[in-house]
Amino acid sequence: LLGGMLALCLSLGSSCLQAAGDVYSFAVAPQFERRVLFNIWQPIVDELEKRTGKRFQLVTSLSVSDYESEVSKGAYDFVYINPYLMPEVDGSYLPLVRDNRPLHGILVV
């Protein structure tokens, strides 16, 4: 289930090793309308809670630029990000899960 994610990262700046009763933020980019986004991601977050015994709150931003800004500040405990953002958050987040297929892209000028 989680194996297909491109990058699931843990914030190194947050206090992720807190008491078991804490709720951790799990942020995803606002790629779709909010209702659609939560319909896609909430079952994944529910499964993550089931498998880990931890509590997560699914969060997003109103725009991609706001999301990227918050991710760059280390505002979330866990984030799902595209690999192109990794250089911007290097040192703030630790990659936990990634797709095992090579990443291919197109350079547009």
PDB file of N, CA and C in Angstrom:
ATOM      1  N   LEU A   1       0.826  -1.200   0.000  1.00  0.00           N
ATOM      2  CA  LEU A   1       0.000   0.000   0.000  1.00  0.00           C
ATOM      3  C   LEU A   1       0.864   1.255   0.000  1.00  0.00           C
ATOM      4  N   LEU A   2       1.783   1.365   0.937  1.00  0.00           N
ATOM      5  CA  LEU A   2       2.624   2.550   1.004  1.00  0.00           C
ATOM      6  C   LEU A   2       3.842   2.447   0.102  1.00  0.00           C
ATOM      7  N   GLY A   3       4.122   1.251  -0.424  1.00  0.00           N
ATOM      8  CA  GLY A   3       5.311   1.028  -1.223  1.00  0.00           C
ATOM      9  C   GLY A   3       5.354   1.818  -2.509  1.00  0.00           C
ATOM     10  N   GLY A   4       4.211   2.235  -3.039  1.00  0.00           N
ATOM     11  CA  GLY A   4       4.179   2.959  -4.295  1.00  0.00           C
ATOM     12  C   GLY A   4       4.422   4.446  -4.151  1.00  0.00           C
ATOM     13  N   MET A   5       4.593   4.941  -2.968  1.00  0.00           N
ATOM     14  CA  MET A   5       4.800   6.373  -2.778  1.00  0.00           C
ATOM     15  C   MET A   5       6.167   6.793  -3.286  1.00  0.00           C
ATOM     16  N   LEU A   6       6.217   7.951  -3.882  1.00  0.00           N
ATOM     17  CA  LEU A   6       7.497   8.469  -4.350  1.00  0.00           C
ATOM     18  C   LEU A   6       8.373   8.890  -3.190  1.00  0.00           C
ATOM     19  N   ALA A   7       7.810   9.565  -2.247  1.00  0.00           N
ATOM     20  CA  ALA A   7       8.597   9.962  -1.075  1.00  0.00           C
ATOM     21  C   ALA A   7       7.667  10.230   0.091  1.00  0.00           C
ATOM     22  N   LEU A   8       7.881   9.540   1.145  1.00  0.00           N
ATOM     23  CA  LEU A   8       7.206   9.816   2.406  1.00  0.00           C
ATOM     24  C   LEU A   8       8.311  10.203   3.351  1.00  0.00           C
ATOM     25  N   CYS A   9       8.238  11.395   3.872  1.00  0.00           N
ATOM     26  CA  CYS A   9       9.353  11.910   4.651  1.00  0.00           C
ATOM     27  C   CYS A   9       8.936  12.260   6.063  1.00  0.00           C
ATOM     28  N   LEU A  10       9.852  12.058   6.962  1.00  0.00           N
ATOM     29  CA  LEU A  10       9.682  12.379   8.369  1.00  0.00           C
ATOM     30  C   LEU A  10      10.445  13.656   8.652  1.00  0.00           C
ATOM     31  N   SER A  11       9.791  14.611   9.290  1.00  0.00           N
ATOM     32  CA  SER A  11      10.450  15.870   9.623  1.00  0.00           C
ATOM     33  C   SER A  11      11.487  15.643  10.706  1.00  0.00           C
ATOM     34  N   LEU A  12      12.696  16.059  10.448  1.00  0.00           N
ATOM     35  CA  LEU A  12      13.762  15.932  11.436  1.00  0.00           C
ATOM     36  C   LEU A  12      13.679  17.051  12.462  1.00  0.00           C
ATOM     37  N   GLY A  13      13.001  18.145  12.103  1.00  0.00           N
ATOM     38  CA  GLY A  13      12.892  19.276  13.015  1.00  0.00           C
ATOM     39  C   GLY A  13      11.754  19.127  14.007  1.00  0.00           C
ATOM     40  N   SER A  14      10.811  18.221  13.739  1.00  0.00           N
ATOM     41  CA  SER A  14       9.685  18.064  14.657  1.00  0.00           C
ATOM     42  C   SER A  14      10.038  17.090  15.760  1.00  0.00           C
ATOM     43  N   SER A  15       9.219  17.083  16.778  1.00  0.00           N
ATOM     44  CA  SER A  15       9.431  16.163  17.896  1.00  0.00           C
ATOM     45  C   SER A  15       8.668  14.882  17.634  1.00  0.00           C
ATOM     46  N   CYS A  16       9.114  14.111  16.674  1.00  0.00           N
ATOM     47  CA  CYS A  16       8.365  12.928  16.263  1.00  0.00           C
ATOM     48  C   CYS A  16       8.461  11.780  17.256  1.00  0.00           C
ATOM     49  N   LEU A  17       9.330  11.857  18.196  1.00  0.00           N
ATOM     50  CA  LEU A  17       9.432  10.787  19.177  1.00  0.00           C
ATOM     51  C   LEU A  17       8.780  11.229  20.480  1.00  0.00           C
ATOM     52  N   GLN A  18       7.523  11.657  20.356  1.00  0.00           N
ATOM     53  CA  GLN A  18       6.791  12.141  21.510  1.00  0.00           C
ATOM     54  C   GLN A  18       5.960  11.009  22.101  1.00  0.00           C
ATOM     55  N   ALA A  19       5.110  11.354  23.060  1.00  0.00           N
ATOM     56  CA  ALA A  19       4.262  10.370  23.723  1.00  0.00           C
ATOM     57  C   ALA A  19       3.328   9.695  22.732  1.00  0.00           C
ATOM     58  N   ALA A  20       2.938   8.460  23.033  1.00  0.00           N
ATOM     59  CA  ALA A  20       2.120   7.655  22.137  1.00  0.00           C
ATOM     60  C   ALA A  20       0.768   8.283  21.844  1.00  0.00           C
ATOM     61  N   GLY A  21       0.261   9.170  22.694  1.00  0.00           N
ATOM     62  CA  GLY A  21      -1.042   9.780  22.488  1.00  0.00           C
ATOM     63  C   GLY A  21      -1.039  10.929  21.501  1.00  0.00           C
ATOM     64  N   ASP A  22       0.120  11.330  21.010  1.00  0.00           N
ATOM     65  CA  ASP A  22       0.210  12.461  20.096  1.00  0.00           C
ATOM     66  C   ASP A  22      -0.382  12.136  18.731  1.00  0.00           C
ATOM     67  N   VAL A  23      -0.836  13.185  18.060  1.00  0.00           N
ATOM     68  CA  VAL A  23      -1.334  13.072  16.695  1.00  0.00           C
ATOM     69  C   VAL A  23      -0.309  13.741  15.791  1.00  0.00           C
ATOM     70  N   TYR A  24       0.155  13.034  14.799  1.00  0.00           N
ATOM     71  CA  TYR A  24       1.160  13.542  13.876  1.00  0.00           C
ATOM     72  C   TYR A  24       0.500  14.060  12.607  1.00  0.00           C
ATOM     73  N   SER A  25       0.987  15.171  12.091  1.00  0.00           N
ATOM     74  CA  SER A  25       0.453  15.710  10.843  1.00  0.00           C
ATOM     75  C   SER A  25       1.033  14.924   9.669  1.00  0.00           C
ATOM     76  N   PHE A  26       0.165  14.608   8.716  1.00  0.00           N
ATOM     77  CA  PHE A  26       0.539  13.906   7.491  1.00  0.00           C
ATOM     78  C   PHE A  26       0.040  14.775   6.347  1.00  0.00           C
ATOM     79  N   ALA A  27       0.954  15.467   5.694  1.00  0.00           N
ATOM     80  CA  ALA A  27       0.580  16.451   4.682  1.00  0.00           C
ATOM     81  C   ALA A  27       0.747  15.912   3.263  1.00  0.00           C
ATOM     82  N   VAL A  28      -0.210  16.270   2.423  1.00  0.00           N
ATOM     83  CA  VAL A  28      -0.154  15.924   1.005  1.00  0.00           C
ATOM     84  C   VAL A  28      -0.408  17.187   0.193  1.00  0.00           C
ATOM     85  N   ALA A  29       0.155  17.232  -1.009  1.00  0.00           N
ATOM     86  CA  ALA A  29      -0.003  18.393  -1.882  1.00  0.00           C
ATOM     87  C   ALA A  29      -1.454  18.505  -2.348  1.00  0.00           C
ATOM     88  N   PRO A  30      -1.944  19.733  -2.477  1.00  0.00           N
ATOM     89  CA  PRO A  30      -3.324  19.943  -2.919  1.00  0.00           C
ATOM     90  C   PRO A  30      -3.460  19.786  -4.429  1.00  0.00           C
ATOM     91  N   GLN A  31      -3.281  18.563  -4.908  1.00  0.00           N
ATOM     92  CA  GLN A  31      -3.331  18.291  -6.343  1.00  0.00           C
ATOM     93  C   GLN A  31      -4.751  18.209  -6.880  1.00  0.00           C
ATOM     94  N   PHE A  32      -5.715  18.014  -6.005  1.00  0.00           N
ATOM     95  CA  PHE A  32      -7.113  17.886  -6.384  1.00  0.00           C
ATOM     96  C   PHE A  32      -7.964  18.754  -5.466  1.00  0.00           C
ATOM     97  N   GLU A  33      -9.242  18.851  -5.794  1.00  0.00           N
ATOM     98  CA  GLU A  33     -10.205  19.517  -4.918  1.00  0.00           C
ATOM     99  C   GLU A  33     -10.162  18.803  -3.570  1.00  0.00           C
ATOM    100  N   ARG A  34     -10.325  19.543  -2.493  1.00  0.00           N
ATOM    101  CA  ARG A  34     -10.119  19.044  -1.124  1.00  0.00           C
ATOM    102  C   ARG A  34     -10.885  17.749  -0.829  1.00  0.00           C
ATOM    103  N   ARG A  35     -12.150  17.677  -1.224  1.00  0.00           N
ATOM    104  CA  ARG A  35     -12.959  16.485  -0.957  1.00  0.00           C
ATOM    105  C   ARG A  35     -12.377  15.263  -1.674  1.00  0.00           C
ATOM    106  N   VAL A  36     -11.980  15.435  -2.924  1.00  0.00           N
ATOM    107  CA  VAL A  36     -11.380  14.341  -3.699  1.00  0.00           C
ATOM    108  C   VAL A  36     -10.057  13.919  -3.061  1.00  0.00           C
ATOM    109  N   LEU A  37      -9.255  14.895  -2.675  1.00  0.00           N
ATOM    110  CA  LEU A  37      -7.956  14.625  -2.050  1.00  0.00           C
ATOM    111  C   LEU A  37      -8.120  13.779  -0.785  1.00  0.00           C
ATOM    112  N   PHE A  38      -9.077  14.154   0.056  1.00  0.00           N
ATOM    113  CA  PHE A  38      -9.294  13.404   1.293  1.00  0.00           C
ATOM    114  C   PHE A  38      -9.876  12.020   1.010  1.00  0.00           C
ATOM    115  N   ASN A  39     -10.697  11.889  -0.019  1.00  0.00           N
ATOM    116  CA  ASN A  39     -11.208  10.561  -0.398  1.00  0.00           C
ATOM    117  C   ASN A  39     -10.085   9.636  -0.847  1.00  0.00           C
ATOM    118  N   ILE A  40      -9.082  10.193  -1.484  1.00  0.00           N
ATOM    119  CA  ILE A  40      -7.931   9.403  -1.940  1.00  0.00           C
ATOM    120  C   ILE A  40      -7.015   9.046  -0.768  1.00  0.00           C
ATOM    121  N   TRP A  41      -6.669  10.034   0.053  1.00  0.00           N
ATOM    122  CA  TRP A  41      -5.622   9.871   1.055  1.00  0.00           C
ATOM    123  C   TRP A  41      -6.086   9.370   2.415  1.00  0.00           C
ATOM    124  N   GLN A  42      -7.324   9.628   2.819  1.00  0.00           N
ATOM    125  CA  GLN A  42      -7.744   9.213   4.152  1.00  0.00           C
ATOM    126  C   GLN A  42      -7.651   7.701   4.357  1.00  0.00           C
ATOM    127  N   PRO A  43      -8.034   6.862   3.362  1.00  0.00           N
ATOM    128  CA  PRO A  43      -7.849   5.418   3.560  1.00  0.00           C
ATOM    129  C   PRO A  43      -6.383   5.016   3.755  1.00  0.00           C
ATOM    130  N   ILE A  44      -5.469   5.721   3.119  1.00  0.00           N
ATOM    131  CA  ILE A  44      -4.043   5.437   3.285  1.00  0.00           C
ATOM    132  C   ILE A  44      -3.596   5.814   4.696  1.00  0.00           C
ATOM    133  N   VAL A  45      -4.045   6.970   5.170  1.00  0.00           N
ATOM    134  CA  VAL A  45      -3.711   7.407   6.523  1.00  0.00           C
ATOM    135  C   VAL A  45      -4.337   6.457   7.551  1.00  0.00           C
ATOM    136  N   ASP A  46      -5.563   6.019   7.294  1.00  0.00           N
ATOM    137  CA  ASP A  46      -6.215   5.055   8.189  1.00  0.00           C
ATOM    138  C   ASP A  46      -5.419   3.752   8.273  1.00  0.00           C
ATOM    139  N   GLU A  47      -4.927   3.281   7.143  1.00  0.00           N
ATOM    140  CA  GLU A  47      -4.120   2.057   7.118  1.00  0.00           C
ATOM    141  C   GLU A  47      -2.791   2.270   7.840  1.00  0.00           C
ATOM    142  N   LEU A  48      -2.204   3.438   7.665  1.00  0.00           N
ATOM    143  CA  LEU A  48      -0.963   3.777   8.364  1.00  0.00           C
ATOM    144  C   LEU A  48      -1.179   3.747   9.882  1.00  0.00           C
ATOM    145  N   GLU A  49      -2.294   4.298  10.340  1.00  0.00           N
ATOM    146  CA  GLU A  49      -2.620   4.260  11.768  1.00  0.00           C
ATOM    147  C   GLU A  49      -2.795   2.819  12.243  1.00  0.00           C
ATOM    148  N   LYS A  50      -3.481   2.032  11.452  1.00  0.00           N
ATOM    149  CA  LYS A  50      -3.719   0.627  11.803  1.00  0.00           C
ATOM    150  C   LYS A  50      -2.403  -0.143  11.929  1.00  0.00           C
ATOM    151  N   ARG A  51      -1.501   0.080  10.994  1.00  0.00           N
ATOM    152  CA  ARG A  51      -0.233  -0.662  10.982  1.00  0.00           C
ATOM    153  C   ARG A  51       0.774  -0.180  12.022  1.00  0.00           C
ATOM    154  N   THR A  52       0.696   1.102  12.384  1.00  0.00           N
ATOM    155  CA  THR A  52       1.698   1.653  13.309  1.00  0.00           C
ATOM    156  C   THR A  52       1.192   1.819  14.741  1.00  0.00           C
ATOM    157  N   GLY A  53      -0.121   1.880  14.906  1.00  0.00           N
ATOM    158  CA  GLY A  53      -0.676   2.152  16.230  1.00  0.00           C
ATOM    159  C   GLY A  53      -0.554   3.619  16.631  1.00  0.00           C
ATOM    160  N   LYS A  54      -0.136   4.467  15.718  1.00  0.00           N
ATOM    161  CA  LYS A  54       0.002   5.910  15.960  1.00  0.00           C
ATOM    162  C   LYS A  54      -1.185   6.634  15.328  1.00  0.00           C
ATOM    163  N   ARG A  55      -1.392   7.885  15.751  1.00  0.00           N
ATOM    164  CA  ARG A  55      -2.487   8.687  15.205  1.00  0.00           C
ATOM    165  C   ARG A  55      -1.931   9.751  14.270  1.00  0.00           C
ATOM    166  N   PHE A  56      -2.590   9.913  13.121  1.00  0.00           N
ATOM    167  CA  PHE A  56      -2.177  10.884  12.117  1.00  0.00           C
ATOM    168  C   PHE A  56      -3.369  11.741  11.711  1.00  0.00           C
ATOM    169  N   GLN A  57      -3.108  13.014  11.458  1.00  0.00           N
ATOM    170  CA  GLN A  57      -4.129  13.903  10.940  1.00  0.00           C
ATOM    171  C   GLN A  57      -3.730  14.290   9.525  1.00  0.00           C
ATOM    172  N   LEU A  58      -4.600  14.000   8.561  1.00  0.00           N
ATOM    173  CA  LEU A  58      -4.356  14.349   7.172  1.00  0.00           C
ATOM    174  C   LEU A  58      -4.566  15.846   6.999  1.00  0.00           C
ATOM    175  N   VAL A  59      -3.557  16.518   6.449  1.00  0.00           N
ATOM    176  CA  VAL A  59      -3.630  17.967   6.243  1.00  0.00           C
ATOM    177  C   VAL A  59      -3.135  18.310   4.848  1.00  0.00           C
ATOM    178  N   THR A  60      -3.556  19.476   4.361  1.00  0.00           N
ATOM    179  CA  THR A  60      -3.080  19.997   3.095  1.00  0.00           C
ATOM    180  C   THR A  60      -3.161  21.514   3.151  1.00  0.00           C
ATOM    181  N   SER A  61      -2.789  22.153   2.092  1.00  0.00           N
ATOM    182  CA  SER A  61      -2.852  23.614   1.995  1.00  0.00           C
ATOM    183  C   SER A  61      -3.842  23.982   0.902  1.00  0.00           C
ATOM    184  N   LEU A  62      -4.144  25.258   0.809  1.00  0.00           N
ATOM    185  CA  LEU A  62      -5.077  25.705  -0.223  1.00  0.00           C
ATOM    186  C   LEU A  62      -4.436  25.784  -1.598  1.00  0.00           C
ATOM    187  N   SER A  63      -3.105  25.926  -1.639  1.00  0.00           N
ATOM    188  CA  SER A  63      -2.411  26.009  -2.926  1.00  0.00           C
ATOM    189  C   SER A  63      -1.115  25.209  -2.858  1.00  0.00           C
ATOM    190  N   VAL A  64      -0.622  24.834  -4.027  1.00  0.00           N
ATOM    191  CA  VAL A  64       0.635  24.089  -4.093  1.00  0.00           C
ATOM    192  C   VAL A  64       1.780  24.949  -3.569  1.00  0.00           C
ATOM    193  N   SER A  65       1.785  26.237  -3.894  1.00  0.00           N
ATOM    194  CA  SER A  65       2.875  27.100  -3.422  1.00  0.00           C
ATOM    195  C   SER A  65       2.854  27.223  -1.896  1.00  0.00           C
ATOM    196  N   ASP A  66       1.657  27.308  -1.289  1.00  0.00           N
ATOM    197  CA  ASP A  66       1.576  27.334   0.176  1.00  0.00           C
ATOM    198  C   ASP A  66       2.083  26.019   0.764  1.00  0.00           C
ATOM    199  N   TYR A  67       1.689  24.913   0.139  1.00  0.00           N
ATOM    200  CA  TYR A  67       2.122  23.587   0.603  1.00  0.00           C
ATOM    201  C   TYR A  67       3.641  23.488   0.556  1.00  0.00           C
ATOM    202  N   GLU A  68       4.233  23.859  -0.569  1.00  0.00           N
ATOM    203  CA  GLU A  68       5.682  23.780  -0.718  1.00  0.00           C
ATOM    204  C   GLU A  68       6.397  24.691   0.281  1.00  0.00           C
ATOM    205  N   SER A  69       5.826  25.852   0.546  1.00  0.00           N
ATOM    206  CA  SER A  69       6.414  26.765   1.522  1.00  0.00           C
ATOM    207  C   SER A  69       6.387  26.150   2.921  1.00  0.00           C
ATOM    208  N   GLU A  70       5.261  25.558   3.301  1.00  0.00           N
ATOM    209  CA  GLU A  70       5.139  24.925   4.619  1.00  0.00           C
ATOM    210  C   GLU A  70       6.070  23.718   4.739  1.00  0.00           C
ATOM    211  N   VAL A  71       6.174  22.938   3.682  1.00  0.00           N
ATOM    212  CA  VAL A  71       7.082  21.786   3.677  1.00  0.00           C
ATOM    213  C   VAL A  71       8.516  22.273   3.841  1.00  0.00           C
ATOM    214  N   SER A  72       8.877  23.331   3.125  1.00  0.00           N
ATOM    215  CA  SER A  72      10.240  23.868   3.213  1.00  0.00           C
ATOM    216  C   SER A  72      10.581  24.352   4.615  1.00  0.00           C
ATOM    217  N   LYS A  73       9.560  24.779   5.375  1.00  0.00           N
ATOM    218  CA  LYS A  73       9.769  25.245   6.749  1.00  0.00           C
ATOM    219  C   LYS A  73       9.753  24.092   7.753  1.00  0.00           C
ATOM    220  N   GLY A  74       9.449  22.871   7.289  1.00  0.00           N
ATOM    221  CA  GLY A  74       9.370  21.738   8.201  1.00  0.00           C
ATOM    222  C   GLY A  74       8.129  21.779   9.078  1.00  0.00           C
ATOM    223  N   ALA A  75       7.047  22.348   8.561  1.00  0.00           N
ATOM    224  CA  ALA A  75       5.831  22.571   9.351  1.00  0.00           C
ATOM    225  C   ALA A  75       5.060  21.287   9.673  1.00  0.00           C
ATOM    226  N   TYR A  76       5.282  20.226   8.923  1.00  0.00           N
ATOM    227  CA  TYR A  76       4.527  18.986   9.104  1.00  0.00           C
ATOM    228  C   TYR A  76       5.425  17.888   9.654  1.00  0.00           C
ATOM    229  N   ASP A  77       4.810  16.922  10.332  1.00  0.00           N
ATOM    230  CA  ASP A  77       5.576  15.791  10.843  1.00  0.00           C
ATOM    231  C   ASP A  77       5.955  14.829   9.719  1.00  0.00           C
ATOM    232  N   PHE A  78       4.985  14.509   8.861  1.00  0.00           N
ATOM    233  CA  PHE A  78       5.211  13.626   7.720  1.00  0.00           C
ATOM    234  C   PHE A  78       4.654  14.299   6.482  1.00  0.00           C
ATOM    235  N   VAL A  79       5.331  14.131   5.356  1.00  0.00           N
ATOM    236  CA  VAL A  79       4.854  14.711   4.098  1.00  0.00           C
ATOM    237  C   VAL A  79       4.987  13.707   2.970  1.00  0.00           C
ATOM    238  N   TYR A  80       4.075  13.812   2.030  1.00  0.00           N
ATOM    239  CA  TYR A  80       4.193  13.095   0.767  1.00  0.00           C
ATOM    240  C   TYR A  80       4.615  14.146  -0.238  1.00  0.00           C
ATOM    241  N   ILE A  81       5.791  13.968  -0.830  1.00  0.00           N
ATOM    242  CA  ILE A  81       6.299  14.984  -1.751  1.00  0.00           C
ATOM    243  C   ILE A  81       6.811  14.353  -3.029  1.00  0.00           C
ATOM    244  N   ASN A  82       6.866  15.183  -4.052  1.00  0.00           N
ATOM    245  CA  ASN A  82       7.490  14.777  -5.298  1.00  0.00           C
ATOM    246  C   ASN A  82       9.000  14.852  -5.121  1.00  0.00           C
ATOM    247  N   PRO A  83       9.733  13.989  -5.794  1.00  0.00           N
ATOM    248  CA  PRO A  83      11.199  13.971  -5.625  1.00  0.00           C
ATOM    249  C   PRO A  83      11.881  15.295  -5.945  1.00  0.00           C
ATOM    250  N   TYR A  84      11.294  16.110  -6.819  1.00  0.00           N
ATOM    251  CA  TYR A  84      11.953  17.370  -7.153  1.00  0.00           C
ATOM    252  C   TYR A  84      12.051  18.309  -5.957  1.00  0.00           C
ATOM    253  N   LEU A  85      11.241  18.097  -4.936  1.00  0.00           N
ATOM    254  CA  LEU A  85      11.303  18.931  -3.737  1.00  0.00           C
ATOM    255  C   LEU A  85      12.385  18.492  -2.752  1.00  0.00           C
ATOM    256  N   MET A  86      12.904  17.292  -2.902  1.00  0.00           N
ATOM    257  CA  MET A  86      13.881  16.782  -1.933  1.00  0.00           C
ATOM    258  C   MET A  86      15.082  17.702  -1.739  1.00  0.00           C
ATOM    259  N   PRO A  87      15.673  18.274  -2.795  1.00  0.00           N
ATOM    260  CA  PRO A  87      16.809  19.177  -2.543  1.00  0.00           C
ATOM    261  C   PRO A  87      16.427  20.383  -1.676  1.00  0.00           C
ATOM    262  N   GLU A  88      15.181  20.848  -1.785  1.00  0.00           N
ATOM    263  CA  GLU A  88      14.739  22.003  -0.997  1.00  0.00           C
ATOM    264  C   GLU A  88      14.536  21.656   0.465  1.00  0.00           C
ATOM    265  N   VAL A  89      14.208  20.409   0.760  1.00  0.00           N
ATOM    266  CA  VAL A  89      13.923  20.016   2.147  1.00  0.00           C
ATOM    267  C   VAL A  89      15.033  19.173   2.739  1.00  0.00           C
ATOM    268  N   ASP A  90      16.121  19.000   1.989  1.00  0.00           N
ATOM    269  CA  ASP A  90      17.235  18.196   2.474  1.00  0.00           C
ATOM    270  C   ASP A  90      17.715  18.741   3.815  1.00  0.00           C
ATOM    271  N   GLY A  91      17.759  17.896   4.801  1.00  0.00           N
ATOM    272  CA  GLY A  91      18.142  18.317   6.134  1.00  0.00           C
ATOM    273  C   GLY A  91      16.951  18.574   7.040  1.00  0.00           C
ATOM    274  N   SER A  92      15.781  18.830   6.434  1.00  0.00           N
ATOM    275  CA  SER A  92      14.564  19.049   7.218  1.00  0.00           C
ATOM    276  C   SER A  92      13.728  17.782   7.343  1.00  0.00           C
ATOM    277  N   TYR A  93      13.787  16.953   6.330  1.00  0.00           N
ATOM    278  CA  TYR A  93      13.005  15.716   6.302  1.00  0.00           C
ATOM    279  C   TYR A  93      13.900  14.546   5.937  1.00  0.00           C
ATOM    280  N   LEU A  94      13.549  13.394   6.452  1.00  0.00           N
ATOM    281  CA  LEU A  94      14.262  12.156   6.189  1.00  0.00           C
ATOM    282  C   LEU A  94      13.379  11.255   5.334  1.00  0.00           C
ATOM    283  N   PRO A  95      13.806  10.882   4.126  1.00  0.00           N
ATOM    284  CA  PRO A  95      12.984   9.996   3.298  1.00  0.00           C
ATOM    285  C   PRO A  95      12.790   8.642   3.978  1.00  0.00           C
ATOM    286  N   LEU A  96      11.560   8.168   4.013  1.00  0.00           N
ATOM    287  CA  LEU A  96      11.246   6.878   4.637  1.00  0.00           C
ATOM    288  C   LEU A  96      10.834   5.825   3.617  1.00  0.00           C
ATOM    289  N   VAL A  97      10.100   6.233   2.604  1.00  0.00           N
ATOM    290  CA  VAL A  97       9.572   5.309   1.609  1.00  0.00           C
ATOM    291  C   VAL A  97       9.748   5.948   0.241  1.00  0.00           C
ATOM    292  N   ARG A  98      10.105   5.134  -0.726  1.00  0.00           N
ATOM    293  CA  ARG A  98      10.184   5.637  -2.099  1.00  0.00           C
ATOM    294  C   ARG A  98       9.854   4.512  -3.056  1.00  0.00           C
ATOM    295  N   ASP A  99       9.499   4.886  -4.252  1.00  0.00           N
ATOM    296  CA  ASP A  99       9.213   3.923  -5.304  1.00  0.00           C
ATOM    297  C   ASP A  99      10.527   3.303  -5.756  1.00  0.00           C
ATOM    298  N   ASN A 100      10.526   2.028  -6.064  1.00  0.00           N
ATOM    299  CA  ASN A 100      11.777   1.381  -6.469  1.00  0.00           C
ATOM    300  C   ASN A 100      12.033   1.499  -7.969  1.00  0.00           C
ATOM    301  N   ARG A 101      11.102   2.108  -8.700  1.00  0.00           N
ATOM    302  CA  ARG A 101      11.315   2.328 -10.135  1.00  0.00           C
ATOM    303  C   ARG A 101      12.121   3.596 -10.354  1.00  0.00           C
ATOM    304  N   PRO A 102      12.957   3.625 -11.395  1.00  0.00           N
ATOM    305  CA  PRO A 102      13.735   4.841 -11.680  1.00  0.00           C
ATOM    306  C   PRO A 102      12.797   6.009 -12.020  1.00  0.00           C
ATOM    307  N   LEU A 103      13.204   7.198 -11.630  1.00  0.00           N
ATOM    308  CA  LEU A 103      12.443   8.396 -11.914  1.00  0.00           C
ATOM    309  C   LEU A 103      12.870   8.939 -13.273  1.00  0.00           C
ATOM    310  N   HIS A 104      11.901   9.207 -14.114  1.00  0.00           N
ATOM    311  CA  HIS A 104      12.180   9.777 -15.426  1.00  0.00           C
ATOM    312  C   HIS A 104      11.458  11.113 -15.530  1.00  0.00           C
ATOM    313  N   GLY A 105      12.041  12.044 -16.239  1.00  0.00           N
ATOM    314  CA  GLY A 105      11.417  13.346 -16.390  1.00  0.00           C
ATOM    315  C   GLY A 105      11.717  13.940 -17.751  1.00  0.00           C
ATOM    316  N   ILE A 106      11.106  15.058 -18.002  1.00  0.00           N
ATOM    317  CA  ILE A 106      11.296  15.775 -19.257  1.00  0.00           C
ATOM    318  C   ILE A 106      11.770  17.171 -18.909  1.00  0.00           C
ATOM    319  N   LEU A 107      12.831  17.614 -19.571  1.00  0.00           N
ATOM    320  CA  LEU A 107      13.334  18.970 -19.392  1.00  0.00           C
ATOM    321  C   LEU A 107      12.653  19.852 -20.419  1.00  0.00           C
ATOM    322  N   VAL A 108      11.953  20.866 -19.958  1.00  0.00           N
ATOM    323  CA  VAL A 108      11.246  21.783 -20.846  1.00  0.00           C
ATOM    324  C   VAL A 108      11.876  23.152 -20.702  1.00  0.00           C
ATOM    325  N   VAL A 109      12.222  23.767 -21.839  1.00  0.00           N
ATOM    326  CA  VAL A 109      12.824  25.098 -21.806  1.00  0.00           C
ATOM    327  C   VAL A 109      11.997  26.081 -22.603  1.00  0.00           C
TER     328      VAL A 109
END
